[in-house]
C-alpha atoms as a PDB file:
ATOM      1  CA  MET A   1     -19.219   0.300  -0.130  1.00  0.00           C
ATOM      2  CA  LYS A   2     -18.817   4.100   0.048  1.00  0.00           C
ATOM      3  CA  ILE A   3     -15.746   5.825   0.864  1.00  0.00           C
ATOM      4  CA  SER A   4     -17.499   7.662   3.623  1.00  0.00           C
ATOM      5  CA  GLU A   5     -18.466   4.335   5.359  1.00  0.00           C
ATOM      6  CA  ALA A   6     -14.965   3.376   6.145  1.00  0.00           C
ATOM      7  CA  GLU A   7     -11.667   4.700   7.678  1.00  0.00           C
ATOM      8  CA  ILE A   8      -8.860   4.874   4.994  1.00  0.00           C
ATOM      9  CA  VAL A   9      -5.565   4.098   6.385  1.00  0.00           C
ATOM     10  CA  LEU A  10      -2.834   5.335   3.775  1.00  0.00           C
ATOM     11  CA  LEU A  11       0.506   3.684   4.208  1.00  0.00           C
ATOM     12  CA  THR A  12       3.632   5.190   2.686  1.00  0.00           C
ATOM     13  CA  GLY A  13       6.929   3.574   1.791  1.00  0.00           C
ATOM     14  CA  TYR A  14      10.425   3.719   2.368  1.00  0.00           C
ATOM     15  CA  GLY A  15      12.033   7.184   3.142  1.00  0.00           C
ATOM     16  CA  ASP A  16      10.272  10.728   3.059  1.00  0.00           C
ATOM     17  CA  THR A  17       7.404  11.003   0.847  1.00  0.00           C
ATOM     18  CA  ALA A  18       6.759  14.424  -0.807  1.00  0.00           C
ATOM     19  CA  LYS A  19       4.085  16.393   0.144  1.00  0.00           C
ATOM     20  CA  GLY A  20       2.933  16.482  -3.254  1.00  0.00           C
ATOM     21  CA  HIS A  21       2.387  12.723  -3.519  1.00  0.00           C
ATOM     22  CA  TRP A  22      -1.164  11.639  -4.306  1.00  0.00           C
ATOM     23  CA  MET A  23      -1.444  10.007  -0.434  1.00  0.00           C
ATOM     24  CA  PHE A  24      -1.340  13.312   1.003  1.00  0.00           C
ATOM     25  CA  ARG A  25      -3.689  14.622  -1.716  1.00  0.00           C
ATOM     26  CA  TRP A  26      -6.154  11.781  -0.950  1.00  0.00           C
ATOM     27  CA  GLN A  27      -5.696  12.589   2.655  1.00  0.00           C
ATOM     28  CA  GLU A  28      -6.990  16.234   1.959  1.00  0.00           C
ATOM     29  CA  LYS A  29      -9.868  15.406  -0.094  1.00  0.00           C
ATOM     30  CA  MET A  30     -11.247  12.364   2.073  1.00  0.00           C
ATOM     31  CA  ALA A  31     -12.259  13.418   5.686  1.00  0.00           C
ATOM     32  CA  ASN A  32     -12.082   9.927   6.896  1.00  0.00           C
ATOM     33  CA  ALA A  33      -8.368   9.221   5.493  1.00  0.00           C
ATOM     34  CA  SER A  34      -5.121   9.431   7.434  1.00  0.00           C
ATOM     35  CA  VAL A  35      -1.582   8.786   6.553  1.00  0.00           C
ATOM     36  CA  LEU A  36      -0.219   6.426   9.227  1.00  0.00           C
ATOM     37  CA  GLU A  37       2.786   7.786  11.118  1.00  0.00           C
ATOM     38  CA  LEU A  38       5.436   5.485  10.900  1.00  0.00           C
ATOM     39  CA  LYS A  39       8.925   5.737  12.592  1.00  0.00           C
ATOM     40  CA  ASN A  40      12.259   5.413  10.998  1.00  0.00           C
ATOM     41  CA  LYS A  41      11.376   5.964   7.534  1.00  0.00           C
ATOM     42  CA  PHE A  42      14.969   5.276   6.078  1.00  0.00           C
ATOM     43  CA  HIS A  43      15.849   2.094   8.703  1.00  0.00           C
ATOM     44  CA  PRO A  44      12.170   0.710   9.234  1.00  0.00           C
ATOM     45  CA  GLU A  45      11.634  -2.115  11.408  1.00  0.00           C
ATOM     46  CA  LEU A  46       9.029  -4.414  10.419  1.00  0.00           C
ATOM     47  CA  LYS A  47       7.981  -5.030  14.087  1.00  0.00           C
ATOM     48  CA  VAL A  48       7.612  -1.504  15.014  1.00  0.00           C
ATOM     49  CA  TRP A  49       5.602  -0.860  11.655  1.00  0.00           C
ATOM     50  CA  ARG A  50       3.382  -3.990  11.778  1.00  0.00           C
ATOM     51  CA  GLU A  51       2.398  -3.172  15.718  1.00  0.00           C
ATOM     52  CA  THR A  52       1.727   0.640  14.608  1.00  0.00           C
ATOM     53  CA  LEU A  53      -0.553  -0.575  11.705  1.00  0.00           C
ATOM     54  CA  VAL A  54      -2.211  -3.190  13.863  1.00  0.00           C
ATOM     55  CA  ALA A  55      -2.984  -0.567  16.866  1.00  0.00           C
ATOM     56  CA  ARG A  56      -4.567   1.827  14.435  1.00  0.00           C
ATOM     57  CA  VAL A  57      -6.602  -0.919  12.948  1.00  0.00           C
ATOM     58  CA  GLU A  58      -7.808  -2.053  16.311  1.00  0.00           C
ATOM     59  CA  ALA A  59      -8.494   1.766  17.363  1.00  0.00           C
ATOM     60  CA  SER A  60     -10.802   2.183  14.447  1.00  0.00           C
ATOM     61  CA  THR A  61     -14.795   2.408  14.961  1.00  0.00           C
ATOM     62  CA  LYS A  62     -15.566   1.827  11.081  1.00  0.00           C
ATOM     63  CA  PRO A  63     -14.668  -1.052   8.978  1.00  0.00           C
ATOM     64  CA  VAL A  64     -10.932  -0.027   7.788  1.00  0.00           C
ATOM     65  CA  VAL A  65      -9.795  -0.206   3.880  1.00  0.00           C
ATOM     66  CA  LEU A  66      -5.789   0.257   3.825  1.00  0.00           C
ATOM     67  CA  VAL A  67      -4.085   1.791   0.846  1.00  0.00           C
ATOM     68  CA  GLY A  68      -0.220   0.984   0.609  1.00  0.00           C
ATOM     69  CA  HIS A  69       2.247   2.308  -1.571  1.00  0.00           C
ATOM     70  CA  SER A  70       5.569   0.742  -2.086  1.00  0.00           C
ATOM     71  CA  LEU A  71       7.114  -0.479   1.211  1.00  0.00           C
ATOM     72  CA  GLY A  72       3.399   0.238   2.582  1.00  0.00           C
ATOM     73  CA  CYS A  73       2.194  -2.616   0.427  1.00  0.00           C
ATOM     74  CA  ILE A  74       4.889  -4.985   1.690  1.00  0.00           C
ATOM     75  CA  LEU A  75       3.846  -3.893   5.352  1.00  0.00           C
ATOM     76  CA  ILE A  76       0.388  -5.170   4.407  1.00  0.00           C
ATOM     77  CA  ALA A  77       1.510  -8.447   3.085  1.00  0.00           C
ATOM     78  CA  HIS A  78       3.475  -9.028   6.553  1.00  0.00           C
ATOM     79  CA  SER A  79       0.792  -8.075   8.738  1.00  0.00           C
ATOM     80  CA  ILE A  80      -2.456  -9.795   7.500  1.00  0.00           C
ATOM     81  CA  HIS A  81      -2.282 -12.371  10.171  1.00  0.00           C
ATOM     82  CA  GLN A  82      -2.139  -9.954  13.127  1.00  0.00           C
ATOM     83  CA  LEU A  83      -4.725  -7.357  11.820  1.00  0.00           C
ATOM     84  CA  PRO A  84      -8.126  -8.023  13.428  1.00  0.00           C
ATOM     85  CA  LYS A  85     -10.112 -10.037  10.474  1.00  0.00           C
ATOM     86  CA  ASP A  86     -13.510  -8.483  11.343  1.00  0.00           C
ATOM     87  CA  LYS A  87     -11.960  -4.831  10.899  1.00  0.00           C
ATOM     88  CA  VAL A  88     -10.284  -4.674   7.599  1.00  0.00           C
ATOM     89  CA  ARG A  89     -12.249  -4.881   4.501  1.00  0.00           C
ATOM     90  CA  GLY A  90      -9.779  -4.237   1.671  1.00  0.00           C
ATOM     91  CA  ALA A  91      -6.315  -3.303   0.486  1.00  0.00           C
ATOM     92  CA  PHE A  92      -5.667  -1.172  -2.406  1.00  0.00           C
ATOM     93  CA  LEU A  93      -1.881  -1.851  -3.294  1.00  0.00           C
ATOM     94  CA  VAL A  94       0.131   0.723  -5.294  1.00  0.00           C
ATOM     95  CA  ALA A  95       3.645   0.239  -6.947  1.00  0.00           C
ATOM     96  CA  PRO A  96       4.891  -2.303  -4.312  1.00  0.00           C
ATOM     97  CA  SER A  97       8.640  -2.359  -3.984  1.00  0.00           C
ATOM     98  CA  ASP A  98      10.307  -5.729  -4.534  1.00  0.00           C
ATOM     99  CA  TRP A  99      12.781  -5.819  -1.320  1.00  0.00           C
ATOM    100  CA  ASP A 100      13.495  -9.552  -2.122  1.00  0.00           C
ATOM    101  CA  ARG A 101      15.878  -7.918  -5.252  1.00  0.00           C
ATOM    102  CA  GLU A 102      19.376  -7.370  -3.976  1.00  0.00           C
ATOM    103  CA  ASN A 103      20.407  -3.713  -3.514  1.00  0.00           C
ATOM    104  CA  LEU A 104      17.025  -2.185  -4.078  1.00  0.00           C
ATOM    105  CA  VAL A 105      17.913   0.737  -2.017  1.00  0.00           C
ATOM    106  CA  PRO A 106      21.586   1.346  -1.171  1.00  0.00           C
ATOM    107  CA  GLY A 107      22.452   1.403   2.358  1.00  0.00           C
ATOM    108  CA  PHE A 108      19.037  -0.721   3.587  1.00  0.00           C
ATOM    109  CA  ASP A 109      19.139  -4.250   2.783  1.00  0.00           C
ATOM    110  CA  GLY A 110      15.477  -4.690   3.337  1.00  0.00           C
ATOM    111  CA  GLY A 111      15.936  -6.284   6.721  1.00  0.00           C
ATOM    112  CA  ALA A 112      13.049  -8.016   8.067  1.00  0.00           C
ATOM    113  CA  PHE A 113      11.155  -7.175   4.971  1.00  0.00           C
ATOM    114  CA  LYS A 114      12.171 -10.101   3.062  1.00  0.00           C
ATOM    115  CA  PRO A 115      11.434 -12.521   1.987  1.00  0.00           C
ATOM    116  CA  ILE A 116       8.085 -10.697   0.904  1.00  0.00           C
ATOM    117  CA  PRO A 117       5.160 -12.952   1.911  1.00  0.00           C
ATOM    118  CA  ARG A 118       3.038 -14.739  -0.709  1.00  0.00           C
ATOM    119  CA  ALA A 119       0.089 -15.774   1.449  1.00  0.00           C
ATOM    120  CA  PRO A 120      -3.293 -15.004   0.138  1.00  0.00           C
ATOM    121  CA  PHE A 121      -4.943 -11.833   2.000  1.00  0.00           C
ATOM    122  CA  PRO A 122      -8.005 -12.658   4.047  1.00  0.00           C
ATOM    123  CA  PHE A 123      -9.845  -9.623   2.500  1.00  0.00           C
ATOM    124  CA  LYS A 124     -10.144  -8.151  -0.931  1.00  0.00           C
ATOM    125  CA  ALA A 125      -7.308  -6.479  -2.667  1.00  0.00           C
ATOM    126  CA  HIS A 126      -6.258  -4.786  -5.645  1.00  0.00           C
ATOM    127  CA  LEU A 127      -2.759  -4.097  -7.220  1.00  0.00           C
ATOM    128  CA  VAL A 128      -1.575  -1.002  -9.490  1.00  0.00           C
ATOM    129  CA  ALA A 129       1.593  -1.795 -11.034  1.00  0.00           C
ATOM    130  CA  SER A 130       3.589  -0.080 -13.568  1.00  0.00           C
ATOM    131  CA  ARG A 131       5.626  -1.467 -16.729  1.00  0.00           C
ATOM    132  CA  ASN A 132       8.702   0.585 -15.808  1.00  0.00           C
ATOM    133  CA  ASP A 133       8.709   0.951 -11.891  1.00  0.00           C
ATOM    134  CA  PRO A 134      12.437   1.180 -10.861  1.00  0.00           C
ATOM    135  CA  TYR A 135      11.544  -0.625  -7.840  1.00  0.00           C
ATOM    136  CA  CYS A 136       9.722  -3.561  -8.964  1.00  0.00           C
ATOM    137  CA  ASP A 137       9.686  -5.394 -12.000  1.00  0.00           C
ATOM    138  CA  TYR A 138       6.101  -5.625 -13.820  1.00  0.00           C
ATOM    139  CA  VAL A 139       6.242  -9.575 -13.789  1.00  0.00           C
ATOM    140  CA  VAL A 140       6.999  -9.521 -10.050  1.00  0.00           C
ATOM    141  CA  ALA A 141       4.324  -7.195  -9.190  1.00  0.00           C
ATOM    142  CA  GLU A 142       1.939  -9.374 -11.304  1.00  0.00           C
ATOM    143  CA  GLY A 143       3.041 -12.391  -9.043  1.00  0.00           C
ATOM    144  CA  PHE A 144       2.499 -10.476  -6.336  1.00  0.00           C
ATOM    145  CA  ALA A 145      -1.150  -9.868  -7.067  1.00  0.00           C
ATOM    146  CA  LYS A 146      -1.491 -13.625  -7.943  1.00  0.00           C
ATOM    147  CA  ALA A 147      -0.368 -14.869  -4.887  1.00  0.00           C
ATOM    148  CA  TRP A 148      -2.221 -12.461  -2.742  1.00  0.00           C
ATOM    149  CA  GLY A 149      -5.507 -13.159  -4.511  1.00  0.00           C
ATOM    150  CA  ALA A 150      -5.560  -9.465  -5.643  1.00  0.00           C
ATOM    151  CA  GLY A 151      -7.247  -7.816  -8.646  1.00  0.00           C
ATOM    152  CA  PHE A 152      -4.582  -6.537 -11.254  1.00  0.00           C
ATOM    153  CA  GLN A 153      -4.446  -3.412 -12.981  1.00  0.00           C
ATOM    154  CA  ASP A 154      -1.589  -2.469 -15.628  1.00  0.00           C
ATOM    155  CA  ALA A 155      -0.869   1.363 -14.934  1.00  0.00           C
ATOM    156  CA  GLY A 156       1.334   1.660 -18.098  1.00  0.00           C
ATOM    157  CA  GLU A 157       4.713   3.359 -18.085  1.00  0.00           C
ATOM    158  CA  ALA A 158       4.234   5.163 -14.898  1.00  0.00           C
ATOM    159  CA  GLY A 159       7.395   4.917 -13.246  1.00  0.00           C
ATOM    160  CA  HIS A 160       7.053   4.356  -9.030  1.00  0.00           C
ATOM    161  CA  ILE A 161       3.675   6.084  -9.507  1.00  0.00           C
ATOM    162  CA  ASN A 162       4.694   8.825  -6.988  1.00  0.00           C
ATOM    163  CA  ALA A 163       5.156  12.644  -7.201  1.00  0.00           C
ATOM    164  CA  GLU A 164       8.673  11.975  -8.769  1.00  0.00           C
ATOM    165  CA  SER A 165       7.421  10.254 -11.614  1.00  0.00           C
ATOM    166  CA  GLY A 166       4.517  12.865 -12.122  1.00  0.00           C
ATOM    167  CA  HIS A 167       1.744  11.638 -10.226  1.00  0.00           C
ATOM    168  CA  GLY A 168       0.952  14.044  -7.689  1.00  0.00           C
ATOM    169  CA  PRO A 169      -2.723  14.208  -7.832  1.00  0.00           C
ATOM    170  CA  TRP A 170      -3.480  10.869  -9.968  1.00  0.00           C
ATOM    171  CA  PRO A 171      -6.927  11.405 -10.884  1.00  0.00           C
ATOM    172  CA  GLU A 172      -6.781   7.706 -12.406  1.00  0.00           C
ATOM    173  CA  GLY A 173      -5.820   6.265  -9.219  1.00  0.00           C
ATOM    174  CA  MET A 174      -8.759   8.113  -7.538  1.00  0.00           C
ATOM    175  CA  MET A 175     -11.165   6.555  -9.974  1.00  0.00           C
ATOM    176  CA  SER A 176      -9.694   3.111  -9.888  1.00  0.00           C
ATOM    177  CA  PHE A 177      -9.989   3.317  -5.858  1.00  0.00           C
ATOM    178  CA  ALA A 178     -13.682   4.408  -5.992  1.00  0.00           C
ATOM    179  CA  LEU A 179     -14.321   1.443  -8.192  1.00  0.00           C
ATOM    180  CA  PHE A 180     -12.251  -0.796  -5.686  1.00  0.00           C
ATOM    181  CA  MET A 181     -14.509   0.596  -2.745  1.00  0.00           C
ATOM    182  CA  LYS A 182     -17.774   0.101  -4.899  1.00  0.00           C
ATOM    183  CA  ARG A 183     -16.708  -3.602  -5.230  1.00  0.00           C
ATOM    184  CA  LEU A 184     -16.463  -3.937  -1.581  1.00  0.00           C
ATOM    185  CA  GLY A 185     -20.113  -3.779  -1.156  1.00  0.00           C
END
Protein backbone atom coordinates (compact mmCIF):
# COMPACT_ATOMS: atom_id res chain seq x y z
CA MET A 1 0.00 0.00 0.00
CA LYS A 2 1.29 3.45 -0.85
CA ILE A 3 1.42 5.99 1.95
CA SER A 4 -0.73 8.32 -0.17
CA GLU A 5 -3.53 5.72 -0.30
CA ALA A 6 -4.16 5.83 3.46
CA GLU A 7 -4.95 8.25 6.23
CA ILE A 8 -2.10 8.15 8.72
CA VAL A 9 -3.33 8.81 12.26
CA LEU A 10 -0.50 9.64 14.67
CA LEU A 11 -1.07 8.94 18.37
CA THR A 12 1.28 10.60 20.84
CA GLY A 13 1.81 9.46 24.39
CA TYR A 14 1.47 10.73 27.92
CA GLY A 15 2.19 14.41 28.62
CA ASP A 16 3.44 17.07 26.28
CA THR A 17 5.12 15.95 23.07
CA ALA A 18 7.91 18.25 21.93
CA LYS A 19 7.29 19.95 18.59
CA GLY A 20 10.62 18.52 17.36
CA HIS A 21 9.31 14.98 17.89
CA TRP A 22 9.41 12.75 14.81
CA MET A 23 5.60 12.47 14.81
CA PHE A 24 5.17 16.18 14.13
CA ARG A 25 7.87 16.00 11.48
CA TRP A 26 6.07 13.09 9.82
CA GLN A 27 2.84 15.09 9.89
CA GLU A 28 4.63 17.90 8.04
CA LYS A 29 6.07 15.52 5.42
CA MET A 30 2.92 13.51 4.71
CA ALA A 31 -0.12 15.47 3.53
CA ASN A 32 -2.40 12.63 4.64
CA ALA A 33 -1.00 12.38 8.20
CA SER A 34 -2.47 14.04 11.26
CA VAL A 35 -1.74 13.96 14.97
CA LEU A 36 -4.89 12.98 16.87
CA GLU A 37 -5.81 15.64 19.42
CA LEU A 38 -6.21 13.89 22.76
CA LYS A 39 -7.43 15.69 25.89
CA ASN A 40 -5.90 15.72 29.36
CA LYS A 41 -2.44 14.56 28.32
CA PHE A 42 -1.25 14.48 31.96
CA HIS A 43 -4.38 12.74 33.29
CA PRO A 44 -5.57 10.69 30.32
CA GLU A 45 -8.86 8.85 30.50
CA LEU A 46 -8.96 5.67 28.46
CA LYS A 47 -12.68 5.96 27.67
CA VAL A 48 -12.33 9.52 26.32
CA TRP A 49 -9.16 8.76 24.36
CA ARG A 50 -10.66 5.59 22.89
CA GLU A 51 -13.86 7.40 21.86
CA THR A 52 -11.74 10.10 20.19
CA LEU A 53 -9.73 7.51 18.28
CA VAL A 54 -12.78 5.50 17.20
CA ALA A 55 -14.60 8.65 16.01
CA ARG A 56 -11.53 9.70 13.99
CA VAL A 57 -11.25 6.30 12.30
CA GLU A 58 -15.00 6.15 11.61
CA ALA A 59 -14.82 9.59 9.94
CA SER A 60 -12.03 8.52 7.60
CA THR A 61 -12.75 8.27 3.91
CA LYS A 62 -9.64 6.16 3.22
CA PRO A 63 -8.09 3.11 4.85
CA VAL A 64 -6.42 4.10 8.13
CA VAL A 65 -2.94 3.25 9.36
CA LEU A 66 -2.32 4.03 13.01
CA VAL A 67 1.08 5.15 14.24
CA GLY A 68 1.43 5.03 18.01
CA HIS A 69 4.21 6.20 20.30
CA SER A 70 4.44 5.31 23.98
CA LEU A 71 0.94 5.47 25.54
CA GLY A 72 -0.42 5.84 22.00
CA CYS A 73 0.57 2.19 21.42
CA ILE A 74 -1.30 1.14 24.54
CA LEU A 75 -4.36 3.13 23.46
CA ILE A 76 -4.39 1.15 20.20
CA ALA A 77 -4.17 -2.15 22.13
CA HIS A 78 -7.15 -1.07 24.27
CA SER A 79 -9.16 0.01 21.21
CA ILE A 80 -8.84 -2.90 18.78
CA HIS A 81 -12.32 -4.28 19.46
CA GLN A 82 -14.04 -0.89 19.09
CA LEU A 83 -12.29 0.20 15.89
CA PRO A 84 -14.17 -0.40 12.62
CA LYS A 85 -12.56 -3.57 11.29
CA ASP A 86 -13.06 -2.57 7.67
CA LYS A 87 -11.16 0.73 8.08
CA VAL A 88 -7.91 0.02 9.94
CA ARG A 89 -5.24 -1.57 7.73
CA GLY A 90 -2.37 -1.60 10.21
CA ALA A 91 -0.58 -0.19 13.23
CA PHE A 92 3.04 0.94 13.46
CA LEU A 93 3.97 0.95 17.16
CA VAL A 94 7.01 2.75 18.52
CA ALA A 95 8.43 2.52 22.06
CA PRO A 96 5.33 1.31 23.90
CA SER A 97 5.23 2.32 27.56
CA ASP A 98 4.70 -0.33 30.24
CA TRP A 99 1.86 1.02 32.37
CA ASP A 100 1.69 -2.30 34.23
CA ARG A 101 5.01 -1.26 35.85
CA GLU A 102 4.51 0.35 39.26
CA ASN A 103 5.21 4.10 39.44
CA LEU A 104 6.08 4.38 35.75
CA VAL A 105 5.27 8.10 35.88
CA PRO A 106 5.12 9.64 39.36
CA GLY A 107 1.72 11.25 39.91
CA PHE A 108 -0.16 9.06 37.41
CA ASP A 109 -0.72 5.39 38.15
CA GLY A 110 -1.81 4.39 34.65
CA GLY A 111 -5.47 4.31 35.59
CA ALA A 112 -7.68 2.40 33.18
CA PHE A 113 -4.73 1.80 30.83
CA LYS A 114 -3.75 -1.19 32.92
CA PRO A 115 -3.62 -4.04 32.66
CA ILE A 116 -2.28 -3.76 29.14
CA PRO A 117 -4.28 -6.02 26.78
CA ARG A 118 -2.45 -8.94 25.23
CA ALA A 119 -5.08 -9.87 22.62
CA PRO A 120 -3.87 -10.30 19.02
CA PHE A 121 -4.55 -7.33 16.76
CA PRO A 122 -7.09 -7.96 13.98
CA PHE A 123 -4.85 -6.09 11.52
CA LYS A 124 -1.16 -6.09 10.67
CA ALA A 125 1.17 -4.45 13.16
CA HIS A 126 4.86 -3.73 13.58
CA LEU A 127 6.55 -2.78 16.86
CA VAL A 128 9.86 -0.91 17.18
CA ALA A 129 11.54 -1.14 20.59
CA SER A 130 14.67 0.24 22.20
CA ARG A 131 17.02 -1.77 24.39
CA ASN A 132 17.35 1.07 26.92
CA ASP A 133 13.87 2.60 26.96
CA PRO A 134 13.28 3.99 30.47
CA TYR A 135 9.51 3.42 30.10
CA CYS A 136 9.52 -0.19 28.92
CA ASP A 137 12.00 -3.02 29.30
CA TYR A 138 13.04 -4.53 25.98
CA VAL A 139 11.77 -8.02 26.90
CA VAL A 140 8.38 -6.55 27.86
CA ALA A 141 8.13 -4.79 24.48
CA GLU A 142 9.11 -8.05 22.79
CA GLY A 143 6.30 -9.76 24.72
CA PHE A 144 3.81 -7.12 23.55
CA ALA A 145 4.80 -7.75 19.94
CA LYS A 146 4.41 -11.50 20.32
CA ALA A 147 1.02 -11.22 22.05
CA TRP A 148 -0.30 -8.67 19.55
CA GLY A 149 0.94 -10.67 16.54
CA ALA A 150 3.18 -7.78 15.50
CA GLY A 151 6.46 -7.83 13.64
CA PHE A 152 9.31 -6.80 15.94
CA GLN A 153 12.24 -4.49 15.29
CA ASP A 154 15.24 -3.90 17.55
CA ALA A 155 16.11 -0.18 17.46
CA GLY A 156 19.26 -0.70 19.53
CA GLU A 157 19.97 1.68 22.39
CA ALA A 158 17.61 4.45 21.33
CA GLY A 159 16.08 5.56 24.62
CA HIS A 160 12.36 6.30 24.35
CA ILE A 161 12.70 7.08 20.62
CA ASN A 162 11.61 10.67 21.10
CA ALA A 163 13.10 14.14 20.73
CA GLU A 164 14.71 13.93 24.17
CA SER A 165 16.66 10.83 23.11
CA GLY A 166 17.83 12.52 19.91
CA HIS A 167 15.14 11.20 17.57
CA GLY A 168 13.69 14.39 16.16
CA PRO A 169 13.76 13.57 12.44
CA TRP A 170 14.31 9.79 12.95
CA PRO A 171 14.95 8.87 9.28
CA GLU A 172 15.40 5.18 10.18
CA GLY A 173 11.85 5.20 11.51
CA MET A 174 10.49 6.70 8.31
CA MET A 175 12.26 4.01 6.27
CA SER A 176 10.88 1.29 8.54
CA PHE A 177 7.38 2.79 8.27
CA ALA A 178 7.62 2.89 4.46
CA LEU A 179 8.56 -0.81 4.43
CA PHE A 180 5.65 -1.58 6.74
CA MET A 181 3.28 0.27 4.41
CA LYS A 182 4.61 -1.70 1.45
CA ARG A 183 3.81 -4.96 3.30
CA LEU A 184 0.20 -3.84 3.76
CA GLY A 185 -0.23 -4.36 0.04
